Amino acid sequence: MNAKGSAGDEGSESSSFSKKNSKRPKYSRFTQQELPACKPILTPGWVISTFIAVGIVFIPIGLASLSASERVVEISHRYDRDCVPEGFDNDLVGYIQSPKTNKTCTVTLTVPKQMKQPIYIYYQLDNFYQNHRRYVKSRSDKQLRSKEYERDTSSCAPEATNGDAPIVPCGLIAWSLFNDTYQFSVNEKSLQVSKKGIAWISDQKHKFGSDVYPKNFQRGGLIGGAKLNSSIPLSEQVDLIVWMRTAALPTFRKLFGKIEVDLEANQRISVVIENNYNTYSFGGKKKLVLSTTSWIGGKNEFLGVAYLTVGGLCLFLAMCFILVYVIKPRPLGDPSYLSWNRNPAGHMN
């Protein structure tokens, strides 16, 4: 009896030990994927209906988007070449860097259609890589937010300090601030350019401090772009705020201001341009753009074309599946199409 008892005890101990050390997961319906689930079967009817529904929805959206884009009136004029005086056609960099050359020029724009206010004014730069890694990192967000971090310029090289004094705002982005200016007039009557609302409110409130003022800015040996009024806090320097939101692509537009009067068709706008910004040294281009907007934004035909393309493709596929289903129907789940039923012996044809 003792031998049997001891053997039984050893067996129970070994089984309990194996259970404790077992790597088998605890059973549950979730881990074993036995929970109730929807398992749709893609029948020909469902597939065809889905394609037709997508086409019916996407095509009207595409047409509406194209129609809205067509209603946007846009005037675009490249002026970086027009503003170069005679004698400097072969020395563009020398022209823009010389303090003695006249940088002022006048261009005339014709309004093709009626432009209702607000009319947005953009400057467009081509071949300007604001997304360059070193350029993007050359800024101090802490310094921009609070006066407390005025000396936090460790990430701003090479525009970090002027002697021992910190530059505010520091970094290459602020240093290269766009500094061309535009003055508009129609029939010798000046058009006021409003700066109200051109910068994001969230940027003004949370990214640029109301107690941070420009210091030692553009006082080095090499001037990069525009200068800032040292009596205005960074939270109100809207041109700087717009510029500091870097672009992802080398061709981009940034908002300069708004004209808050209507312009009629065939009116001629006289624009006095101060051509100060150096894009000649890297082969860049500068354009002045005037544009209205619609519910979809500015002039952009890509979205409408994309919706029409996807919608048309879905309708085309739906028609193809309908033809296949009608011409060569096949019962759903027919086991005769299984490979082992088509070749019972297991031999390949």
Protein backbone atom coordinates (compact mmCIF):
# COMPACT_ATOMS: atom_id res chain seq x y z
CA MET A 1 0.00 0.00 0.00
CA ASN A 2 2.80 2.36 0.86
CA ALA A 3 4.54 1.68 -2.44
CA LYS A 4 1.37 2.31 -4.41
CA GLY A 5 0.63 5.42 -2.42
CA SER A 6 4.08 6.81 -2.94
CA ALA A 7 3.87 6.05 -6.67
CA GLY A 8 0.50 7.81 -6.86
CA ASP A 9 1.88 10.80 -5.02
CA GLU A 10 4.85 10.98 -7.36
CA GLY A 11 2.54 10.79 -10.42
CA SER A 12 0.29 13.58 -9.16
CA GLU A 13 3.31 15.73 -8.30
CA SER A 14 4.82 15.23 -11.76
CA SER A 15 1.51 16.02 -13.50
CA SER A 16 1.01 19.18 -11.42
CA PHE A 17 4.63 20.18 -12.09
CA SER A 18 4.14 19.68 -15.85
CA LYS A 19 0.95 21.75 -15.74
CA LYS A 20 2.74 24.59 -13.97
CA ASN A 21 5.57 24.60 -16.50
CA SER A 22 3.40 24.07 -19.56
CA LYS A 23 3.71 26.75 -22.24
CA ARG A 24 0.26 26.05 -23.55
CA PRO A 25 -1.81 29.28 -23.31
CA LYS A 26 -4.93 29.36 -21.23
CA TYR A 27 -7.94 28.59 -23.35
CA SER A 28 -10.22 31.47 -24.23
CA ARG A 29 -12.55 32.09 -27.12
CA PHE A 30 -10.71 35.33 -27.88
CA THR A 31 -7.24 33.78 -28.24
CA GLN A 32 -8.64 30.88 -30.24
CA GLN A 33 -10.58 33.27 -32.52
CA GLU A 34 -13.91 31.64 -31.74
CA LEU A 35 -15.83 34.83 -30.99
CA PRO A 36 -18.87 35.65 -33.15
CA ALA A 37 -17.64 37.49 -36.23
CA CYS A 38 -18.96 38.84 -39.49
CA LYS A 39 -17.36 36.97 -42.37
CA PRO A 40 -18.71 38.53 -45.56
CA ILE A 41 -18.62 36.46 -48.70
CA LEU A 42 -17.72 38.46 -51.79
CA THR A 43 -20.46 37.33 -54.12
CA PRO A 44 -20.61 38.81 -57.63
CA GLY A 45 -23.66 40.84 -56.61
CA TRP A 46 -21.85 42.44 -53.66
CA VAL A 47 -18.72 43.23 -55.67
CA ILE A 48 -20.64 44.77 -58.56
CA SER A 49 -22.88 46.77 -56.21
CA THR A 50 -19.87 48.12 -54.30
CA PHE A 51 -18.10 49.28 -57.45
CA ILE A 52 -21.27 50.94 -58.75
CA ALA A 53 -21.88 52.70 -55.41
CA VAL A 54 -18.31 54.05 -55.30
CA GLY A 55 -18.60 55.29 -58.87
CA ILE A 56 -21.96 56.98 -58.24
CA VAL A 57 -20.58 58.77 -55.16
CA PHE A 58 -17.12 59.72 -56.48
CA ILE A 59 -18.07 61.07 -59.92
CA PRO A 60 -20.41 63.84 -58.64
CA ILE A 61 -17.81 64.83 -56.02
CA GLY A 62 -15.18 65.05 -58.77
CA LEU A 63 -17.44 67.18 -60.97
CA ALA A 64 -18.26 69.51 -58.06
CA SER A 65 -14.56 69.85 -57.18
CA LEU A 66 -13.61 70.68 -60.77
CA SER A 67 -16.45 73.18 -61.01
CA ALA A 68 -15.32 74.91 -57.79
CA SER A 69 -11.72 75.00 -59.03
CA GLU A 70 -12.82 76.55 -62.33
CA ARG A 71 -14.63 79.36 -60.48
CA VAL A 72 -11.40 80.39 -58.74
CA VAL A 73 -9.78 83.39 -60.48
CA GLU A 74 -6.00 83.40 -60.29
CA ILE A 75 -3.35 85.78 -61.61
CA SER A 76 0.25 84.59 -61.55
CA HIS A 77 3.23 86.67 -62.70
CA ARG A 78 6.92 85.83 -62.55
CA TYR A 79 8.88 89.01 -61.84
CA ASP A 80 12.41 88.03 -60.84
CA ARG A 81 13.60 88.52 -64.44
CA ASP A 82 11.38 91.50 -65.23
CA CYS A 83 12.87 93.53 -62.40
CA VAL A 84 16.49 93.14 -63.50
CA PRO A 85 17.72 96.38 -65.14
CA GLU A 86 19.63 96.44 -68.40
CA GLY A 87 23.29 95.62 -68.10
CA PHE A 88 22.83 93.00 -65.35
CA ASP A 89 21.39 90.15 -67.43
CA ASN A 90 24.65 88.24 -67.10
CA ASP A 91 25.36 89.24 -63.50
CA LEU A 92 22.15 88.60 -61.59
CA VAL A 93 23.88 87.84 -58.28
CA GLY A 94 25.93 91.02 -58.52
CA TYR A 95 22.74 93.01 -59.16
CA ILE A 96 20.85 91.65 -56.14
CA GLN A 97 23.82 91.91 -53.76
CA SER A 98 24.86 95.43 -54.72
CA PRO A 99 23.46 98.17 -52.44
CA LYS A 100 23.71 100.69 -55.30
CA THR A 101 21.40 99.03 -57.84
CA ASN A 102 17.74 100.03 -58.09
CA LYS A 103 15.59 97.17 -56.82
CA THR A 104 12.23 98.84 -57.55
CA CYS A 105 10.20 97.86 -60.59
CA THR A 106 6.59 98.20 -61.72
CA VAL A 107 4.50 95.51 -63.38
CA THR A 108 0.94 95.65 -64.68
CA LEU A 109 -1.56 92.83 -64.16
CA THR A 110 -4.89 92.50 -65.97
CA VAL A 111 -7.88 91.00 -64.15
CA PRO A 112 -9.32 88.25 -66.42
CA LYS A 113 -12.64 87.89 -64.56
CA GLN A 114 -14.37 89.59 -61.67
CA MET A 115 -12.51 88.85 -58.44
CA LYS A 116 -14.59 89.12 -55.30
CA GLN A 117 -13.02 89.92 -51.97
CA PRO A 118 -11.08 88.73 -50.14
CA ILE A 119 -8.36 88.45 -52.77
CA TYR A 120 -5.36 86.62 -51.37
CA ILE A 121 -1.84 87.75 -52.24
CA TYR A 122 0.85 85.06 -52.29
CA TYR A 123 4.53 85.02 -53.12
CA GLN A 124 5.72 81.82 -54.76
CA LEU A 125 9.28 80.54 -54.63
CA ASP A 126 10.66 77.79 -56.85
CA ASN A 127 13.74 75.66 -56.21
CA PHE A 128 13.89 76.76 -52.55
CA TYR A 129 14.38 73.72 -50.30
CA GLN A 130 12.90 74.73 -46.96
CA ASN A 131 12.72 71.01 -46.15
CA HIS A 132 16.51 70.63 -45.96
CA ARG A 133 17.36 68.89 -42.68
CA ARG A 134 19.90 71.45 -41.46
CA TYR A 135 17.66 74.35 -42.44
CA VAL A 136 14.58 72.91 -40.70
CA LYS A 137 16.49 72.22 -37.47
CA SER A 138 18.08 75.67 -37.34
CA ARG A 139 15.60 77.27 -34.93
CA SER A 140 14.78 77.38 -31.22
CA ASP A 141 11.12 76.82 -30.43
CA LYS A 142 11.71 77.49 -26.73
CA GLN A 143 13.25 80.87 -27.52
CA LEU A 144 10.33 81.75 -29.79
CA ARG A 145 7.79 80.89 -27.06
CA SER A 146 9.23 82.56 -23.98
CA LYS A 147 11.62 85.33 -22.97
CA GLU A 148 12.92 82.97 -20.28
CA TYR A 149 14.74 80.92 -22.97
CA GLU A 150 16.30 83.87 -24.78
CA ARG A 151 19.77 82.29 -24.62
CA ASP A 152 18.63 78.87 -25.81
CA THR A 153 20.41 79.05 -29.17
CA SER A 154 22.25 75.71 -29.22
CA SER A 155 20.28 74.48 -32.26
CA CYS A 156 20.49 77.74 -34.23
CA ALA A 157 24.01 77.61 -35.69
CA PRO A 158 25.31 79.40 -37.66
CA GLU A 159 22.88 82.25 -36.80
CA ALA A 160 22.93 81.77 -33.01
CA THR A 161 24.76 84.73 -31.53
CA ASN A 162 26.10 88.11 -32.48
CA GLY A 163 29.30 88.26 -30.49
CA ASP A 164 28.25 87.12 -27.01
CA ALA A 165 24.65 88.32 -27.34
CA PRO A 166 21.93 85.91 -28.50
CA ILE A 167 20.06 86.55 -31.72
CA VAL A 168 16.27 86.63 -31.31
CA PRO A 169 14.82 84.96 -33.31
CA CYS A 170 17.81 82.77 -34.03
CA GLY A 171 18.43 80.24 -36.77
CA LEU A 172 18.58 80.04 -40.55
CA ILE A 173 14.82 80.02 -41.07
CA ALA A 174 14.28 83.40 -39.44
CA TRP A 175 17.52 84.77 -40.94
CA SER A 176 16.30 84.01 -44.49
CA LEU A 177 12.93 85.76 -44.01
CA PHE A 178 11.40 86.84 -47.33
CA ASN A 179 11.77 90.60 -47.84
CA ASP A 180 10.21 91.52 -51.18
CA THR A 181 7.35 94.01 -50.86
CA TYR A 182 4.37 94.86 -53.06
CA GLN A 183 2.23 97.99 -53.42
CA PHE A 184 -0.98 97.79 -55.44
CA SER A 185 -3.03 100.47 -57.16
CA VAL A 186 -5.94 100.60 -59.62
CA ASN A 187 -6.62 103.75 -61.66
CA GLU A 188 -3.97 105.52 -59.59
CA LYS A 189 -5.92 104.69 -56.43
CA SER A 190 -3.96 102.73 -53.83
CA LEU A 191 -5.24 99.33 -52.70
CA GLN A 192 -4.73 98.58 -49.03
CA VAL A 193 -3.15 95.23 -48.20
CA SER A 194 -4.46 93.71 -44.97
CA LYS A 195 -2.25 91.45 -42.86
CA LYS A 196 -5.08 90.45 -40.54
CA GLY A 197 -5.61 86.71 -40.28
CA ILE A 198 -2.76 85.61 -42.55
CA ALA A 199 -1.04 83.65 -39.75
CA TRP A 200 -2.50 80.73 -37.82
CA ILE A 201 -4.08 81.80 -34.53
CA SER A 202 -2.64 78.70 -32.84
CA ASP A 203 0.86 79.73 -33.90
CA GLN A 204 0.41 83.26 -32.56
CA LYS A 205 -0.94 82.05 -29.21
CA HIS A 206 1.19 78.99 -28.52
CA LYS A 207 4.37 79.10 -30.64
CA PHE A 208 5.40 82.76 -30.59
CA GLY A 209 5.51 84.58 -27.25
CA SER A 210 3.97 87.98 -26.59
CA ASP A 211 6.94 88.79 -24.32
CA VAL A 212 9.62 87.93 -26.90
CA TYR A 213 11.05 90.83 -28.90
CA PRO A 214 13.64 90.78 -31.71
CA LYS A 215 17.21 91.37 -30.58
CA ASN A 216 20.45 91.54 -32.58
CA PHE A 217 18.52 90.35 -35.64
CA GLN A 218 20.17 90.83 -39.07
CA ARG A 219 23.11 92.71 -37.51
CA GLY A 220 25.84 90.37 -38.67
CA GLY A 221 28.14 90.73 -41.64
CA LEU A 222 25.82 88.83 -43.99
CA ILE A 223 22.16 89.88 -44.20
CA GLY A 224 19.85 87.03 -45.12
CA GLY A 225 16.47 88.68 -45.59
CA ALA A 226 13.97 91.01 -43.98
CA LYS A 227 14.55 92.92 -40.76
CA LEU A 228 12.09 92.95 -37.85
CA ASN A 229 10.72 95.81 -35.79
CA SER A 230 12.30 95.41 -32.34
CA SER A 231 9.32 97.12 -30.66
CA ILE A 232 6.77 94.51 -31.85
CA PRO A 233 6.60 91.09 -30.11
CA LEU A 234 7.04 87.95 -32.16
CA SER A 235 3.40 86.98 -31.63
CA GLU A 236 2.42 89.97 -33.80
CA GLN A 237 5.12 89.54 -36.46
CA VAL A 238 2.74 87.76 -38.84
CA ASP A 239 5.12 87.74 -41.83
CA LEU A 240 7.71 85.93 -39.71
CA ILE A 241 5.12 83.46 -38.39
CA VAL A 242 3.99 82.60 -41.92
CA TRP A 243 7.60 82.14 -43.07
CA MET A 244 8.58 79.97 -40.10
CA ARG A 245 5.99 77.33 -41.06
CA THR A 246 8.38 75.57 -43.45
CA ALA A 247 7.22 74.06 -46.73
CA ALA A 248 7.55 70.38 -47.59
CA LEU A 249 8.29 70.87 -51.30
CA PRO A 250 10.79 73.08 -53.16
CA THR A 251 7.97 75.00 -54.91
CA PHE A 252 5.64 76.67 -52.45
CA ARG A 253 3.42 79.68 -51.85
CA LYS A 254 3.12 81.75 -48.71
CA LEU A 255 0.48 84.28 -47.84
CA PHE A 256 1.57 87.92 -48.06
CA GLY A 257 -1.75 89.66 -47.37
CA LYS A 258 -5.32 90.26 -48.53
CA ILE A 259 -7.06 92.83 -50.72
CA GLU A 260 -10.50 93.45 -49.28
CA VAL A 261 -12.20 95.09 -52.25
CA ASP A 262 -13.71 93.58 -55.41
CA LEU A 263 -11.81 93.83 -58.68
CA GLU A 264 -13.73 93.97 -61.95
CA ALA A 265 -12.87 92.19 -65.18
CA ASN A 266 -10.31 93.88 -67.44
CA GLN A 267 -9.12 96.22 -64.69
CA ARG A 268 -5.39 96.88 -64.77
CA ILE A 269 -3.52 96.56 -61.49
CA SER A 270 -0.24 98.43 -61.13
CA VAL A 271 2.18 96.70 -58.76
CA VAL A 272 5.30 98.39 -57.42
CA ILE A 273 7.73 95.65 -56.39
CA GLU A 274 10.79 95.94 -54.20
CA ASN A 275 12.88 93.08 -55.57
CA ASN A 276 15.16 92.48 -52.58
CA TYR A 277 15.17 88.73 -52.04
CA ASN A 278 18.10 86.82 -53.50
CA THR A 279 16.95 83.77 -55.45
CA TYR A 280 19.52 84.24 -58.23
CA SER A 281 22.41 82.58 -56.40
CA PHE A 282 20.61 79.21 -56.33
CA GLY A 283 18.63 79.43 -59.57
CA GLY A 284 15.29 80.11 -57.90
CA LYS A 285 12.21 81.84 -59.27
CA LYS A 286 9.82 84.36 -57.75
CA LYS A 287 6.17 84.82 -58.63
CA LEU A 288 3.42 87.13 -57.43
CA VAL A 289 0.04 85.40 -57.22
CA LEU A 290 -3.40 86.94 -56.70
CA SER A 291 -6.20 84.44 -56.13
CA THR A 292 -9.76 84.10 -54.93
CA THR A 293 -10.97 80.98 -53.13
CA SER A 294 -13.91 78.60 -53.15
CA TRP A 295 -15.30 76.02 -50.73
CA ILE A 296 -12.49 73.69 -51.81
CA GLY A 297 -9.74 76.29 -51.35
CA GLY A 298 -7.58 77.71 -54.13
CA LYS A 299 -7.26 76.62 -57.73
CA ASN A 300 -6.48 72.92 -57.71
CA GLU A 301 -7.78 70.50 -60.32
CA PHE A 302 -5.99 67.43 -58.96
CA LEU A 303 -8.66 66.51 -56.40
CA GLY A 304 -11.47 66.64 -58.95
CA VAL A 305 -9.49 64.64 -61.51
CA ALA A 306 -8.60 62.05 -58.86
CA TYR A 307 -12.25 61.56 -57.84
CA LEU A 308 -13.35 61.29 -61.48
CA THR A 309 -10.58 58.79 -62.25
CA VAL A 310 -11.42 56.51 -59.32
CA GLY A 311 -15.17 56.78 -59.93
CA GLY A 312 -14.82 56.07 -63.65
CA LEU A 313 -12.51 53.12 -63.00
CA CYS A 314 -15.00 51.63 -60.52
CA LEU A 315 -17.87 51.92 -63.01
CA PHE A 316 -15.69 50.35 -65.71
CA LEU A 317 -14.82 47.41 -63.45
CA ALA A 318 -18.49 47.02 -62.50
CA MET A 319 -19.46 46.78 -66.19
CA CYS A 320 -16.69 44.24 -66.82
CA PHE A 321 -17.85 42.04 -63.92
CA ILE A 322 -21.46 42.28 -65.12
CA LEU A 323 -20.46 41.13 -68.61
CA VAL A 324 -18.41 38.25 -67.22
CA TYR A 325 -21.25 37.25 -64.88
CA VAL A 326 -23.83 37.31 -67.70
CA ILE A 327 -21.74 35.75 -70.47
CA LYS A 328 -20.00 33.08 -68.41
CA PRO A 329 -21.91 32.53 -65.16
CA ARG A 330 -20.64 30.16 -62.52
CA PRO A 331 -22.43 28.80 -59.42
CA LEU A 332 -21.11 30.22 -56.18
CA GLY A 333 -19.05 27.69 -54.25
CA ASP A 334 -19.05 25.06 -57.02
CA PRO A 335 -16.67 22.31 -55.74
CA SER A 336 -15.96 21.08 -59.27
CA TYR A 337 -13.55 24.03 -59.69
CA LEU A 338 -11.31 22.79 -56.87
CA SER A 339 -7.95 21.52 -58.09
CA TRP A 340 -8.28 18.10 -56.52
CA ASN A 341 -11.69 17.61 -58.13
CA ARG A 342 -10.49 18.71 -61.54
CA ASN A 343 -7.50 16.33 -61.25
CA PRO A 344 -8.70 13.40 -59.09
CA ALA A 345 -5.48 11.46 -59.66
CA GLY A 346 -3.38 14.41 -58.43
CA HIS A 347 -1.58 14.75 -61.73
CA MET A 348 -0.88 18.11 -63.33
CA ASN A 349 -2.23 18.57 -66.84
